[in-house]
Protein backbone atom coordinates (compact mmCIF):
# COMPACT_ATOMS: atom_id res chain seq x y z
CA UNK A 1 -53.50 -32.33 -61.49
CA UNK A 2 -49.82 -31.44 -61.34
CA UNK A 3 -48.48 -28.75 -63.65
CA UNK A 4 -46.44 -30.29 -66.48
CA UNK A 5 -43.02 -28.95 -65.31
CA UNK A 6 -43.51 -30.43 -61.83
CA UNK A 7 -44.71 -33.77 -63.24
CA UNK A 8 -41.73 -33.86 -65.61
CA UNK A 9 -39.34 -33.13 -62.74
CA UNK A 10 -40.85 -35.96 -60.68
CA UNK A 11 -40.64 -38.48 -63.52
CA UNK A 12 -37.10 -37.56 -64.54
CA UNK A 13 -35.97 -37.39 -60.91
CA UNK A 14 -37.36 -40.88 -60.25
CA UNK A 15 -35.68 -42.23 -63.37
CA UNK A 16 -32.33 -40.71 -62.40
CA UNK A 17 -32.65 -42.08 -58.84
CA UNK A 18 -33.40 -45.52 -60.27
CA UNK A 19 -30.37 -45.30 -62.55
CA UNK A 20 -28.10 -44.37 -59.66
CA UNK A 21 -29.47 -47.21 -57.52
CA UNK A 22 -28.48 -49.61 -60.33
CA UNK A 23 -25.00 -48.08 -60.72
CA UNK A 24 -25.79 -46.31 -64.00
CA UNK A 25 -24.41 -42.82 -64.41
CA UNK A 26 -26.63 -40.26 -66.11
CA UNK A 27 -24.33 -37.65 -67.62
CA UNK A 28 -26.34 -36.29 -70.53
CA UNK A 29 -29.61 -36.63 -72.43
CA UNK A 30 -28.33 -39.64 -74.38
CA UNK A 31 -27.44 -41.61 -71.25
CA UNK A 32 -30.82 -40.67 -69.75
CA UNK A 33 -32.57 -41.93 -72.90
CA UNK A 34 -30.57 -45.17 -72.95
CA UNK A 35 -31.40 -45.89 -69.32
CA UNK A 36 -35.07 -45.05 -69.85
CA UNK A 37 -35.20 -47.65 -72.63
CA UNK A 38 -33.59 -50.25 -70.35
CA UNK A 39 -36.01 -49.37 -67.55
CA UNK A 40 -38.94 -50.23 -69.84
CA UNK A 41 -37.95 -53.89 -69.93
CA UNK A 42 -40.07 -55.84 -67.48
CA UNK A 43 -37.92 -57.75 -64.96
CA UNK A 44 -40.41 -58.09 -62.07
CA UNK A 45 -44.17 -58.39 -61.99
CA UNK A 46 -45.81 -55.36 -60.42
CA UNK A 47 -49.31 -56.81 -60.13
CA UNK A 48 -51.32 -59.92 -59.34
CA UNK A 49 -50.56 -63.14 -57.53
CA UNK A 50 -46.85 -63.02 -58.42
CA UNK A 51 -46.30 -59.32 -57.63
CA UNK A 52 -42.64 -58.60 -56.86
CA UNK A 53 -41.35 -61.87 -58.30
CA UNK A 54 -38.76 -61.84 -61.07
CA UNK A 55 -39.62 -63.03 -64.55
CA UNK A 56 -36.56 -65.31 -64.44
CA UNK A 57 -37.72 -67.02 -61.24
CA UNK A 58 -41.23 -67.47 -62.63
CA UNK A 59 -39.89 -68.95 -65.87
CA UNK A 60 -37.91 -71.55 -63.88
CA UNK A 61 -41.09 -72.90 -62.30
CA UNK A 62 -43.22 -75.17 -64.49
CA UNK A 63 -46.41 -73.92 -62.81
CA UNK A 64 -45.45 -70.27 -63.28
CA UNK A 65 -44.13 -70.73 -66.80
CA UNK A 66 -47.71 -71.44 -67.85
CA UNK A 67 -48.76 -68.20 -66.19
CA UNK A 68 -46.11 -66.30 -68.16
CA UNK A 69 -47.27 -67.87 -71.42
CA UNK A 70 -50.83 -66.81 -70.60
CA UNK A 71 -49.66 -63.32 -69.64
CA UNK A 72 -47.83 -62.84 -72.94
CA UNK A 73 -51.06 -63.51 -74.83
CA UNK A 74 -52.93 -60.72 -73.03
CA UNK A 75 -53.53 -57.46 -74.90
CA UNK A 76 -54.06 -55.19 -71.93
CA UNK A 77 -51.06 -55.86 -69.65
CA UNK A 78 -49.44 -52.63 -68.54
CA UNK A 79 -46.71 -53.25 -65.95
């Protein structure tokens, strides 16, 4: 198990790298918090048959829209 300071550095470093890759500038704790809240919004599936696909693309397909409706009803989905 990683010591807490190292784990924290890895998580924050990954979040900052993600922000920079999406052209968001992290300049203080508030901008880090705001980006972390945006990063929580699911835009792509990270599991299952549709792994890597965008929610928008899935919603445009009548077959996949049913999958999304089913997915929203699940209690244990953790992207």
